[in-house]
PDB file of N, CA and C in Angstrom:
ATOM      1  N   MET A   1    -119.843  60.642 -60.826  1.00  0.00           N
ATOM      2  CA  MET A   1    -120.937  59.983 -61.440  1.00  0.00           C
ATOM      3  C   MET A   1    -122.279  60.464 -60.750  1.00  0.00           C
ATOM      4  N   ASN A   2    -123.250  60.811 -61.531  1.00  0.00           N
ATOM      5  CA  ASN A   2    -124.580  61.213 -60.909  1.00  0.00           C
ATOM      6  C   ASN A   2    -125.211  60.084 -60.336  1.00  0.00           C
ATOM      7  N   GLU A   3    -126.061  60.368 -59.421  1.00  0.00           N
ATOM      8  CA  GLU A   3    -126.946  59.329 -58.868  1.00  0.00           C
ATOM      9  C   GLU A   3    -128.145  59.138 -59.741  1.00  0.00           C
ATOM     10  N   PHE A   4    -128.810  58.050 -59.740  1.00  0.00           N
ATOM     11  CA  PHE A   4    -130.016  57.717 -60.500  1.00  0.00           C
ATOM     12  C   PHE A   4    -131.065  58.630 -59.918  1.00  0.00           C
ATOM     13  N   PRO A   5    -131.889  59.082 -60.834  1.00  0.00           N
ATOM     14  CA  PRO A   5    -132.972  59.983 -60.263  1.00  0.00           C
ATOM     15  C   PRO A   5    -133.867  59.120 -59.408  1.00  0.00           C
ATOM     16  N   LYS A   6    -134.424  59.780 -58.286  1.00  0.00           N
ATOM     17  CA  LYS A   6    -135.251  59.121 -57.312  1.00  0.00           C
ATOM     18  C   LYS A   6    -136.589  58.769 -58.016  1.00  0.00           C
ATOM     19  N   GLU A   7    -137.119  59.792 -58.797  1.00  0.00           N
ATOM     20  CA  GLU A   7    -138.320  59.630 -59.510  1.00  0.00           C
ATOM     21  C   GLU A   7    -138.014  59.638 -60.966  1.00  0.00           C
ATOM     22  N   MET A   8    -138.629  58.823 -61.721  1.00  0.00           N
ATOM     23  CA  MET A   8    -138.456  58.807 -63.073  1.00  0.00           C
ATOM     24  C   MET A   8    -139.389  59.918 -63.765  1.00  0.00           C
ATOM     25  N   PRO A   9    -138.899  60.783 -64.664  1.00  0.00           N
ATOM     26  CA  PRO A   9    -139.771  61.776 -65.374  1.00  0.00           C
ATOM     27  C   PRO A   9    -140.887  61.160 -66.030  1.00  0.00           C
ATOM     28  N   HIS A  10    -142.158  61.866 -66.032  1.00  0.00           N
ATOM     29  CA  HIS A  10    -143.292  61.224 -66.637  1.00  0.00           C
ATOM     30  C   HIS A  10    -143.077  60.941 -68.120  1.00  0.00           C
ATOM     31  N   GLU A  11    -142.332  61.730 -68.884  1.00  0.00           N
ATOM     32  CA  GLU A  11    -142.216  61.377 -70.298  1.00  0.00           C
ATOM     33  C   GLU A  11    -141.306  60.140 -70.548  1.00  0.00           C
ATOM     34  N   VAL A  12    -140.451  59.865 -69.582  1.00  0.00           N
ATOM     35  CA  VAL A  12    -139.572  58.652 -69.731  1.00  0.00           C
ATOM     36  C   VAL A  12    -140.463  57.386 -69.493  1.00  0.00           C
ATOM     37  N   ILE A  13    -141.266  57.490 -68.416  1.00  0.00           N
ATOM     38  CA  ILE A  13    -142.284  56.384 -68.060  1.00  0.00           C
ATOM     39  C   ILE A  13    -143.202  56.193 -69.233  1.00  0.00           C
ATOM     40  N   ARG A  14    -143.745  57.179 -69.877  1.00  0.00           N
ATOM     41  CA  ARG A  14    -144.672  57.021 -71.017  1.00  0.00           C
ATOM     42  C   ARG A  14    -143.976  56.349 -72.188  1.00  0.00           C
ATOM     43  N   ALA A  15    -142.634  56.661 -72.397  1.00  0.00           N
ATOM     44  CA  ALA A  15    -141.938  56.097 -73.468  1.00  0.00           C
ATOM     45  C   ALA A  15    -141.785  54.505 -73.165  1.00  0.00           C
ATOM     46  N   LEU A  16    -141.480  54.133 -71.908  1.00  0.00           N
ATOM     47  CA  LEU A  16    -141.335  52.835 -71.535  1.00  0.00           C
ATOM     48  C   LEU A  16    -142.626  52.035 -71.648  1.00  0.00           C
ATOM     49  N   GLU A  17    -143.758  52.819 -71.359  1.00  0.00           N
ATOM     50  CA  GLU A  17    -145.050  52.193 -71.496  1.00  0.00           C
ATOM     51  C   GLU A  17    -145.401  51.751 -72.989  1.00  0.00           C
ATOM     52  N   ARG A  18    -144.838  52.546 -73.915  1.00  0.00           N
ATOM     53  CA  ARG A  18    -144.940  52.262 -75.405  1.00  0.00           C
ATOM     54  C   ARG A  18    -143.999  51.312 -75.901  1.00  0.00           C
ATOM     55  N   GLY A  19    -143.163  50.894 -74.943  1.00  0.00           N
ATOM     56  CA  GLY A  19    -142.045  49.904 -75.428  1.00  0.00           C
ATOM     57  C   GLY A  19    -140.952  50.623 -76.118  1.00  0.00           C
ATOM     58  N   ARG A  20    -140.658  51.901 -75.854  1.00  0.00           N
ATOM     59  CA  ARG A  20    -139.625  52.638 -76.560  1.00  0.00           C
ATOM     60  C   ARG A  20    -138.443  52.924 -75.593  1.00  0.00           C
ATOM     61  N   LYS A  21    -137.759  51.866 -75.363  1.00  0.00           N
ATOM     62  CA  LYS A  21    -136.674  51.957 -74.368  1.00  0.00           C
ATOM     63  C   LYS A  21    -135.580  52.939 -74.771  1.00  0.00           C
ATOM     64  N   MET A  22    -135.158  52.958 -76.000  1.00  0.00           N
ATOM     65  CA  MET A  22    -134.131  53.896 -76.466  1.00  0.00           C
ATOM     66  C   MET A  22    -134.586  55.353 -76.398  1.00  0.00           C
ATOM     67  N   GLU A  23    -135.890  55.495 -76.685  1.00  0.00           N
ATOM     68  CA  GLU A  23    -136.406  56.976 -76.467  1.00  0.00           C
ATOM     69  C   GLU A  23    -136.443  57.246 -75.087  1.00  0.00           C
ATOM     70  N   ALA A  24    -136.697  56.414 -74.148  1.00  0.00           N
ATOM     71  CA  ALA A  24    -136.674  56.703 -72.716  1.00  0.00           C
ATOM     72  C   ALA A  24    -135.245  57.045 -72.252  1.00  0.00           C
ATOM     73  N   ILE A  25    -134.354  56.356 -72.714  1.00  0.00           N
ATOM     74  CA  ILE A  25    -132.944  56.612 -72.359  1.00  0.00           C
ATOM     75  C   ILE A  25    -132.508  58.056 -72.873  1.00  0.00           C
ATOM     76  N   GLU A  26    -132.866  58.325 -73.969  1.00  0.00           N
ATOM     77  CA  GLU A  26    -132.544  59.669 -74.634  1.00  0.00           C
ATOM     78  C   GLU A  26    -133.224  60.895 -73.800  1.00  0.00           C
ATOM     79  N   LEU A  27    -134.510  60.604 -73.513  1.00  0.00           N
ATOM     80  CA  LEU A  27    -135.242  61.498 -72.778  1.00  0.00           C
ATOM     81  C   LEU A  27    -134.693  61.689 -71.389  1.00  0.00           C
ATOM     82  N   LEU A  28    -134.304  60.620 -70.701  1.00  0.00           N
ATOM     83  CA  LEU A  28    -133.665  60.809 -69.414  1.00  0.00           C
ATOM     84  C   LEU A  28    -132.387  61.469 -69.547  1.00  0.00           C
ATOM     85  N   ARG A  29    -131.504  61.193 -70.514  1.00  0.00           N
ATOM     86  CA  ARG A  29    -130.331  61.887 -70.722  1.00  0.00           C
ATOM     87  C   ARG A  29    -130.495  63.434 -70.744  1.00  0.00           C
ATOM     88  N   GLU A  30    -131.519  63.823 -71.658  1.00  0.00           N
ATOM     89  CA  GLU A  30    -131.856  65.291 -71.830  1.00  0.00           C
ATOM     90  C   GLU A  30    -132.417  65.843 -70.523  1.00  0.00           C
ATOM     91  N   ASN A  31    -133.225  65.157 -69.814  1.00  0.00           N
ATOM     92  CA  ASN A  31    -133.944  65.700 -68.588  1.00  0.00           C
ATOM     93  C   ASN A  31    -132.931  65.743 -67.420  1.00  0.00           C
ATOM     94  N   GLN A  32    -132.081  64.792 -67.223  1.00  0.00           N
ATOM     95  CA  GLN A  32    -131.207  64.698 -66.014  1.00  0.00           C
ATOM     96  C   GLN A  32    -129.669  65.105 -66.365  1.00  0.00           C
ATOM     97  N   GLY A  33    -129.291  65.163 -67.582  1.00  0.00           N
ATOM     98  CA  GLY A  33    -127.943  65.600 -67.890  1.00  0.00           C
ATOM     99  C   GLY A  33    -127.036  64.392 -67.660  1.00  0.00           C
ATOM    100  N   LEU A  34    -127.489  63.216 -67.821  1.00  0.00           N
ATOM    101  CA  LEU A  34    -126.786  61.925 -67.564  1.00  0.00           C
ATOM    102  C   LEU A  34    -125.962  61.521 -68.815  1.00  0.00           C
ATOM    103  N   SER A  35    -124.960  60.796 -68.644  1.00  0.00           N
ATOM    104  CA  SER A  35    -124.237  60.177 -69.771  1.00  0.00           C
ATOM    105  C   SER A  35    -125.119  59.084 -70.314  1.00  0.00           C
ATOM    106  N   LEU A  36    -124.748  58.582 -71.437  1.00  0.00           N
ATOM    107  CA  LEU A  36    -125.521  57.442 -72.183  1.00  0.00           C
ATOM    108  C   LEU A  36    -125.516  56.276 -71.213  1.00  0.00           C
ATOM    109  N   LYS A  37    -124.331  56.007 -70.690  1.00  0.00           N
ATOM    110  CA  LYS A  37    -124.195  54.749 -69.813  1.00  0.00           C
ATOM    111  C   LYS A  37    -125.005  54.924 -68.531  1.00  0.00           C
ATOM    112  N   GLU A  38    -124.957  56.072 -67.957  1.00  0.00           N
ATOM    113  CA  GLU A  38    -125.798  56.303 -66.708  1.00  0.00           C
ATOM    114  C   GLU A  38    -127.268  56.238 -66.995  1.00  0.00           C
ATOM    115  N   ALA A  39    -127.702  56.843 -68.046  1.00  0.00           N
ATOM    116  CA  ALA A  39    -129.121  56.837 -68.460  1.00  0.00           C
ATOM    117  C   ALA A  39    -129.574  55.412 -68.747  1.00  0.00           C
ATOM    118  N   LYS A  40    -128.850  54.675 -69.430  1.00  0.00           N
ATOM    119  CA  LYS A  40    -129.139  53.338 -69.710  1.00  0.00           C
ATOM    120  C   LYS A  40    -129.230  52.451 -68.531  1.00  0.00           C
ATOM    121  N   GLU A  41    -128.287  52.565 -67.617  1.00  0.00           N
ATOM    122  CA  GLU A  41    -128.278  51.805 -66.380  1.00  0.00           C
ATOM    123  C   GLU A  41    -129.631  52.206 -65.459  1.00  0.00           C
ATOM    124  N   ALA A  42    -129.870  53.498 -65.430  1.00  0.00           N
ATOM    125  CA  ALA A  42    -131.086  54.042 -64.733  1.00  0.00           C
ATOM    126  C   ALA A  42    -132.334  53.438 -65.303  1.00  0.00           C
ATOM    127  N   VAL A  43    -132.430  53.455 -66.694  1.00  0.00           N
ATOM    128  CA  VAL A  43    -133.746  52.915 -67.214  1.00  0.00           C
ATOM    129  C   VAL A  43    -133.832  51.496 -66.983  1.00  0.00           C
ATOM    130  N   GLU A  44    -132.744  50.692 -67.120  1.00  0.00           N
ATOM    131  CA  GLU A  44    -132.735  49.230 -66.887  1.00  0.00           C
ATOM    132  C   GLU A  44    -132.966  48.947 -65.434  1.00  0.00           C
ATOM    133  N   CYS A  45    -132.523  49.724 -64.517  1.00  0.00           N
ATOM    134  CA  CYS A  45    -132.836  49.494 -63.085  1.00  0.00           C
ATOM    135  C   CYS A  45    -134.337  49.805 -62.918  1.00  0.00           C
ATOM    136  N   TYR A  46    -134.879  50.811 -63.488  1.00  0.00           N
ATOM    137  CA  TYR A  46    -136.218  51.163 -63.361  1.00  0.00           C
ATOM    138  C   TYR A  46    -137.078  49.994 -63.951  1.00  0.00           C
ATOM    139  N   LEU A  47    -136.679  49.443 -65.075  1.00  0.00           N
ATOM    140  CA  LEU A  47    -137.441  48.374 -65.622  1.00  0.00           C
ATOM    141  C   LEU A  47    -137.396  47.122 -64.748  1.00  0.00           C
ATOM    142  N   LEU A  48    -136.291  46.849 -64.000  1.00  0.00           N
ATOM    143  CA  LEU A  48    -136.195  45.732 -63.075  1.00  0.00           C
ATOM    144  C   LEU A  48    -137.194  45.940 -62.004  1.00  0.00           C
ATOM    145  N   GLU A  49    -137.439  47.153 -61.516  1.00  0.00           N
ATOM    146  CA  GLU A  49    -138.308  47.415 -60.432  1.00  0.00           C
ATOM    147  C   GLU A  49    -139.733  47.499 -60.861  1.00  0.00           C
ATOM    148  N   HIS A  50    -139.988  47.607 -62.189  1.00  0.00           N
ATOM    149  CA  HIS A  50    -141.303  47.748 -62.761  1.00  0.00           C
ATOM    150  C   HIS A  50    -141.413  46.794 -63.981  1.00  0.00           C
ATOM    151  N   PRO A  51    -141.468  45.455 -63.701  1.00  0.00           N
ATOM    152  CA  PRO A  51    -141.378  44.551 -64.831  1.00  0.00           C
ATOM    153  C   PRO A  51    -142.601  44.549 -65.790  1.00  0.00           C
ATOM    154  N   HIS A  52    -143.767  45.114 -65.393  1.00  0.00           N
ATOM    155  CA  HIS A  52    -144.857  45.189 -66.300  1.00  0.00           C
ATOM    156  C   HIS A  52    -144.528  46.132 -67.517  1.00  0.00           C
ATOM    157  N   LEU A  53    -143.484  46.983 -67.287  1.00  0.00           N
ATOM    158  CA  LEU A  53    -143.172  47.873 -68.478  1.00  0.00           C
ATOM    159  C   LEU A  53    -142.166  47.241 -69.518  1.00  0.00           C
ATOM    160  N   ARG A  54    -141.634  46.083 -69.176  1.00  0.00           N
ATOM    161  CA  ARG A  54    -140.823  45.385 -70.008  1.00  0.00           C
ATOM    162  C   ARG A  54    -141.555  44.802 -71.156  1.00  0.00           C
ATOM    163  N   ARG A  55    -141.146  44.939 -72.386  1.00  0.00           N
ATOM    164  CA  ARG A  55    -141.636  44.215 -73.535  1.00  0.00           C
ATOM    165  C   ARG A  55    -140.852  43.097 -73.884  1.00  0.00           C
ATOM    166  N   SER A  56    -141.412  42.118 -74.538  1.00  0.00           N
ATOM    167  CA  SER A  56    -140.477  40.983 -75.023  1.00  0.00           C
ATOM    168  C   SER A  56    -139.901  41.415 -76.329  1.00  0.00           C
ATOM    169  N   ARG A  57    -138.846  40.781 -76.608  1.00  0.00           N
ATOM    170  CA  ARG A  57    -138.055  41.185 -77.812  1.00  0.00           C
ATOM    171  C   ARG A  57    -138.822  40.701 -79.072  1.00  0.00           C
ATOM    172  N   GLY A  58    -139.767  39.917 -78.998  1.00  0.00           N
ATOM    173  CA  GLY A  58    -140.504  39.377 -80.148  1.00  0.00           C
ATOM    174  C   GLY A  58    -141.729  40.257 -80.573  1.00  0.00           C
ATOM    175  N   THR A  59    -141.808  41.466 -80.104  1.00  0.00           N
ATOM    176  CA  THR A  59    -142.916  42.289 -80.343  1.00  0.00           C
ATOM    177  C   THR A  59    -142.553  43.279 -81.517  1.00  0.00           C
ATOM    178  N   LEU A  60    -143.567  43.506 -82.336  1.00  0.00           N
ATOM    179  CA  LEU A  60    -143.433  44.415 -83.416  1.00  0.00           C
ATOM    180  C   LEU A  60    -144.648  45.362 -83.372  1.00  0.00           C
ATOM    181  N   GLY A  61    -144.397  46.606 -82.957  1.00  0.00           N
ATOM    182  CA  GLY A  61    -145.413  47.598 -82.875  1.00  0.00           C
ATOM    183  C   GLY A  61    -146.427  47.271 -81.782  1.00  0.00           C
ATOM    184  N   GLY A  62    -146.048  46.603 -80.767  1.00  0.00           N
ATOM    185  CA  GLY A  62    -146.927  46.246 -79.699  1.00  0.00           C
ATOM    186  C   GLY A  62    -147.681  44.924 -79.939  1.00  0.00           C
ATOM    187  N   HIS A  63    -147.615  44.414 -81.105  1.00  0.00           N
ATOM    188  CA  HIS A  63    -148.323  43.148 -81.474  1.00  0.00           C
ATOM    189  C   HIS A  63    -147.153  41.990 -81.398  1.00  0.00           C
ATOM    190  N   GLY A  64    -147.542  40.803 -81.038  1.00  0.00           N
ATOM    191  CA  GLY A  64    -146.617  39.727 -80.968  1.00  0.00           C
ATOM    192  C   GLY A  64    -146.202  39.333 -82.470  1.00  0.00           C
ATOM    193  N   LEU A  65    -145.098  38.774 -82.534  1.00  0.00           N
ATOM    194  CA  LEU A  65    -144.632  38.284 -83.848  1.00  0.00           C
ATOM    195  C   LEU A  65    -145.593  37.325 -84.502  1.00  0.00           C
ATOM    196  N   TRP A  66    -146.237  36.402 -83.723  1.00  0.00           N
ATOM    197  CA  TRP A  66    -147.146  35.463 -84.257  1.00  0.00           C
ATOM    198  C   TRP A  66    -148.343  36.212 -84.842  1.00  0.00           C
ATOM    199  N   PHE A  67    -148.755  37.317 -84.282  1.00  0.00           N
ATOM    200  CA  PHE A  67    -149.842  38.093 -84.876  1.00  0.00           C
ATOM    201  C   PHE A  67    -149.529  38.518 -86.311  1.00  0.00           C
ATOM    202  N   TRP A  68    -148.341  39.116 -86.478  1.00  0.00           N
ATOM    203  CA  TRP A  68    -147.968  39.509 -87.780  1.00  0.00           C
ATOM    204  C   TRP A  68    -147.796  38.406 -88.803  1.00  0.00           C
ATOM    205  N   LEU A  69    -147.197  37.311 -88.268  1.00  0.00           N
ATOM    206  CA  LEU A  69    -147.015  36.105 -89.244  1.00  0.00           C
ATOM    207  C   LEU A  69    -148.338  35.650 -89.683  1.00  0.00           C
ATOM    208  N   THR A  70    -149.230  35.484 -88.666  1.00  0.00           N
ATOM    209  CA  THR A  70    -150.619  35.097 -89.029  1.00  0.00           C
ATOM    210  C   THR A  70    -151.304  36.082 -89.964  1.00  0.00           C
ATOM    211  N   LEU A  71    -151.235  37.264 -89.726  1.00  0.00           N
ATOM    212  CA  LEU A  71    -151.852  38.263 -90.637  1.00  0.00           C
ATOM    213  C   LEU A  71    -151.342  38.150 -92.046  1.00  0.00           C
ATOM    214  N   ILE A  72    -150.005  38.004 -92.228  1.00  0.00           N
ATOM    215  CA  ILE A  72    -149.430  37.978 -93.621  1.00  0.00           C
ATOM    216  C   ILE A  72    -149.874  36.650 -94.197  1.00  0.00           C
ATOM    217  N   LEU A  73    -149.847  35.535 -93.465  1.00  0.00           N
ATOM    218  CA  LEU A  73    -150.364  34.246 -94.019  1.00  0.00           C
ATOM    219  C   LEU A  73    -151.776  34.388 -94.450  1.00  0.00           C
ATOM    220  N   LEU A  74    -152.708  34.992 -93.673  1.00  0.00           N
ATOM    221  CA  LEU A  74    -154.101  35.116 -94.104  1.00  0.00           C
ATOM    222  C   LEU A  74    -154.214  36.003 -95.283  1.00  0.00           C
ATOM    223  N   LEU A  75    -153.503  37.073 -95.367  1.00  0.00           N
ATOM    224  CA  LEU A  75    -153.474  38.005 -96.537  1.00  0.00           C
ATOM    225  C   LEU A  75    -153.051  37.210 -97.793  1.00  0.00           C
ATOM    226  N   GLY A  76    -152.052  36.352 -97.606  1.00  0.00           N
ATOM    227  CA  GLY A  76    -151.568  35.556 -98.856  1.00  0.00           C
ATOM    228  C   GLY A  76    -152.604  34.596 -99.287  1.00  0.00           C
ATOM    229  N   LEU A  77    -153.274  33.946 -98.372  1.00  0.00           N
ATOM    230  CA  LEU A  77    -154.325  32.990 -98.713  1.00  0.00           C
ATOM    231  C   LEU A  77    -155.494  33.690 -99.343  1.00  0.00           C
ATOM    232  N   LEU A  78    -155.853  34.858 -98.895  1.00  0.00           N
ATOM    233  CA  LEU A  78    -156.920  35.603 -99.428  1.00  0.00           C
ATOM    234  C   LEU A  78    -156.567  36.028-100.814  1.00  0.00           C
ATOM    235  N   ILE A  79    -155.498  36.414-101.088  1.00  0.00           N
ATOM    236  CA  ILE A  79    -155.033  36.741-102.482  1.00  0.00           C
ATOM    237  C   ILE A  79    -155.016  35.581-103.369  1.00  0.00           C
ATOM    238  N   LEU A  80    -154.461  34.458-102.833  1.00  0.00           N
ATOM    239  CA  LEU A  80    -154.378  33.182-103.649  1.00  0.00           C
ATOM    240  C   LEU A  80    -155.753  32.732-103.999  1.00  0.00           C
ATOM    241  N   PHE A  81    -156.675  32.674-103.066  1.00  0.00           N
ATOM    242  CA  PHE A  81    -157.982  32.136-103.353  1.00  0.00           C
ATOM    243  C   PHE A  81    -158.879  33.041-104.065  1.00  0.00           C
ATOM    244  N   SER A  82    -158.712  34.374-103.932  1.00  0.00           N
ATOM    245  CA  SER A  82    -159.502  35.271-104.754  1.00  0.00           C
ATOM    246  C   SER A  82    -159.132  35.155-106.234  1.00  0.00           C
ATOM    247  N   GLY A  83    -157.841  34.876-106.458  1.00  0.00           N
ATOM    248  CA  GLY A  83    -157.419  34.697-107.887  1.00  0.00           C
ATOM    249  C   GLY A  83    -158.040  33.372-108.426  1.00  0.00           C
ATOM    250  N   ARG A  84    -158.062  32.344-107.706  1.00  0.00           N
ATOM    251  CA  ARG A  84    -158.540  31.081-108.100  1.00  0.00           C
ATOM    252  C   ARG A  84    -160.020  31.152-108.241  1.00  0.00           C
ATOM    253  N   LEU A  85    -160.708  31.935-107.410  1.00  0.00           N
ATOM    254  CA  LEU A  85    -162.235  32.028-107.401  1.00  0.00           C
ATOM    255  C   LEU A  85    -162.584  32.748-108.785  1.00  0.00           C
ATOM    256  N   SER A  86    -161.868  33.828-109.116  1.00  0.00           N
ATOM    257  CA  SER A  86    -162.162  34.559-110.296  1.00  0.00           C
ATOM    258  C   SER A  86    -161.910  33.707-111.551  1.00  0.00           C
ATOM    259  N   ALA A  87    -160.850  32.990-111.445  1.00  0.00           N
ATOM    260  CA  ALA A  87    -160.471  32.070-112.628  1.00  0.00           C
ATOM    261  C   ALA A  87    -161.538  30.927-112.768  1.00  0.00           C
ATOM    262  N   GLY A  88    -162.084  30.486-111.658  1.00  0.00           N
ATOM    263  CA  GLY A  88    -163.064  29.330-111.687  1.00  0.00           C
ATOM    264  C   GLY A  88    -164.360  29.863-112.194  1.00  0.00           C
ATOM    265  N   ILE A  89    -164.716  31.148-111.983  1.00  0.00           N
ATOM    266  CA  ILE A  89    -165.974  31.696-112.521  1.00  0.00           C
ATOM    267  C   ILE A  89    -165.837  31.875-113.985  1.00  0.00           C
ATOM    268  N   GLU A  90    -164.748  32.436-114.428  1.00  0.00           N
ATOM    269  CA  GLU A  90    -164.573  32.604-115.855  1.00  0.00           C
ATOM    270  C   GLU A  90    -164.388  31.341-116.599  1.00  0.00           C
ATOM    271  N   GLY A  91    -163.893  30.302-115.960  1.00  0.00           N
ATOM    272  CA  GLY A  91    -163.712  29.072-116.649  1.00  0.00           C
ATOM    273  C   GLY A  91    -164.919  28.189-116.812  1.00  0.00           C
ATOM    274  N   ARG A  92    -166.105  28.626-116.427  1.00  0.00           N
ATOM    275  CA  ARG A  92    -167.296  27.826-116.500  1.00  0.00           C
ATOM    276  C   ARG A  92    -168.082  27.978-117.809  1.00  0.00           C
ATOM    277  N   GLY A  93    -167.419  28.539-118.816  1.00  0.00           N
ATOM    278  CA  GLY A  93    -168.149  28.743-120.081  1.00  0.00           C
ATOM    279  C   GLY A  93    -168.975  30.063-120.090  1.00  0.00           C
ATOM    280  N   GLN A  94    -168.901  30.778-119.063  1.00  0.00           N
ATOM    281  CA  GLN A  94    -169.608  32.082-119.037  1.00  0.00           C
ATOM    282  C   GLN A  94    -168.612  33.198-119.322  1.00  0.00           C
ATOM    283  N   PRO A  95    -168.979  34.067-120.035  1.00  0.00           N
ATOM    284  CA  PRO A  95    -168.090  35.204-120.354  1.00  0.00           C
ATOM    285  C   PRO A  95    -167.902  36.053-119.114  1.00  0.00           C
ATOM    286  N   PRO A  96    -166.812  36.677-118.981  1.00  0.00           N
ATOM    287  CA  PRO A  96    -166.612  37.578-117.834  1.00  0.00           C
ATOM    288  C   PRO A  96    -167.571  38.748-118.051  1.00  0.00           C
ATOM    289  N   ALA A  97    -167.887  39.409-116.906  1.00  0.00           N
ATOM    290  CA  ALA A  97    -168.843  40.439-116.778  1.00  0.00           C
ATOM    291  C   ALA A  97    -168.485  41.500-117.825  1.00  0.00           C
ATOM    292  N   GLY A  98    -169.607  41.918-118.519  1.00  0.00           N
ATOM    293  CA  GLY A  98    -169.385  43.045-119.534  1.00  0.00           C
ATOM    294  C   GLY A  98    -168.959  42.577-120.926  1.00  0.00           C
ATOM    295  N   VAL A  99    -168.689  41.256-121.135  1.00  0.00           N
ATOM    296  CA  VAL A  99    -168.223  40.837-122.378  1.00  0.00           C
ATOM    297  C   VAL A  99    -169.365  40.025-123.005  1.00  0.00           C
ATOM    298  N   ALA A 100    -169.727  40.355-124.180  1.00  0.00           N
ATOM    299  CA  ALA A 100    -170.816  39.746-125.023  1.00  0.00           C
ATOM    300  C   ALA A 100    -170.319  38.549-125.786  1.00  0.00           C
ATOM    301  N   MET A 101    -171.050  37.513-125.894  1.00  0.00           N
ATOM    302  CA  MET A 101    -170.745  36.232-126.642  1.00  0.00           C
ATOM    303  C   MET A 101    -170.934  36.599-128.058  1.00  0.00           C
ATOM    304  N   THR A 102    -169.986  36.434-129.020  1.00  0.00           N
ATOM    305  CA  THR A 102    -170.217  36.673-130.335  1.00  0.00           C
ATOM    306  C   THR A 102    -169.750  35.468-131.130  1.00  0.00           C
ATOM    307  N   ASP A 103    -170.310  35.149-132.339  1.00  0.00           N
ATOM    308  CA  ASP A 103    -169.860  34.113-133.172  1.00  0.00           C
ATOM    309  C   ASP A 103    -168.755  34.556-134.012  1.00  0.00           C
ATOM    310  N   CYS A 104    -167.603  33.981-133.817  1.00  0.00           N
ATOM    311  CA  CYS A 104    -166.393  34.443-134.528  1.00  0.00           C
ATOM    312  C   CYS A 104    -166.164  33.714-135.906  1.00  0.00           C
ATOM    313  N   GLY A 105    -167.057  32.751-136.170  1.00  0.00           N
ATOM    314  CA  GLY A 105    -167.020  32.181-137.509  1.00  0.00           C
ATOM    315  C   GLY A 105    -166.147  30.938-137.563  1.00  0.00           C
ATOM    316  N   PHE A 106    -165.597  30.477-136.355  1.00  0.00           N
ATOM    317  CA  PHE A 106    -164.848  29.273-136.352  1.00  0.00           C
ATOM    318  C   PHE A 106    -165.681  28.127-136.232  1.00  0.00           C
ATOM    319  N   SER A 107    -165.370  26.961-136.946  1.00  0.00           N
ATOM    320  CA  SER A 107    -166.239  25.811-136.871  1.00  0.00           C
ATOM    321  C   SER A 107    -165.418  24.677-136.336  1.00  0.00           C
TER     322      SER A 107
END
């Protein structure tokens, strides 16, 4: 069994900074010739020694889950209210923009 690398390669650290643990494991395997198990253990050990590199499981693309849920909710509300707003303007007895009022002959 190979020993863990004394110094982690820079590209592995950069992958961990981006929250890409699997990528870091693969990079370490390629760089050091470790097995999957050895590389995984080495990366996890490194993360224990450098907790600022660990990302919570609830992140998506570096943003928290609440960020994405809030964004989706706000976009949905924007779509909902923009539809109601345009329906409200058209429902005031005014023709939509570009439409001329004509007498259709109905009494």
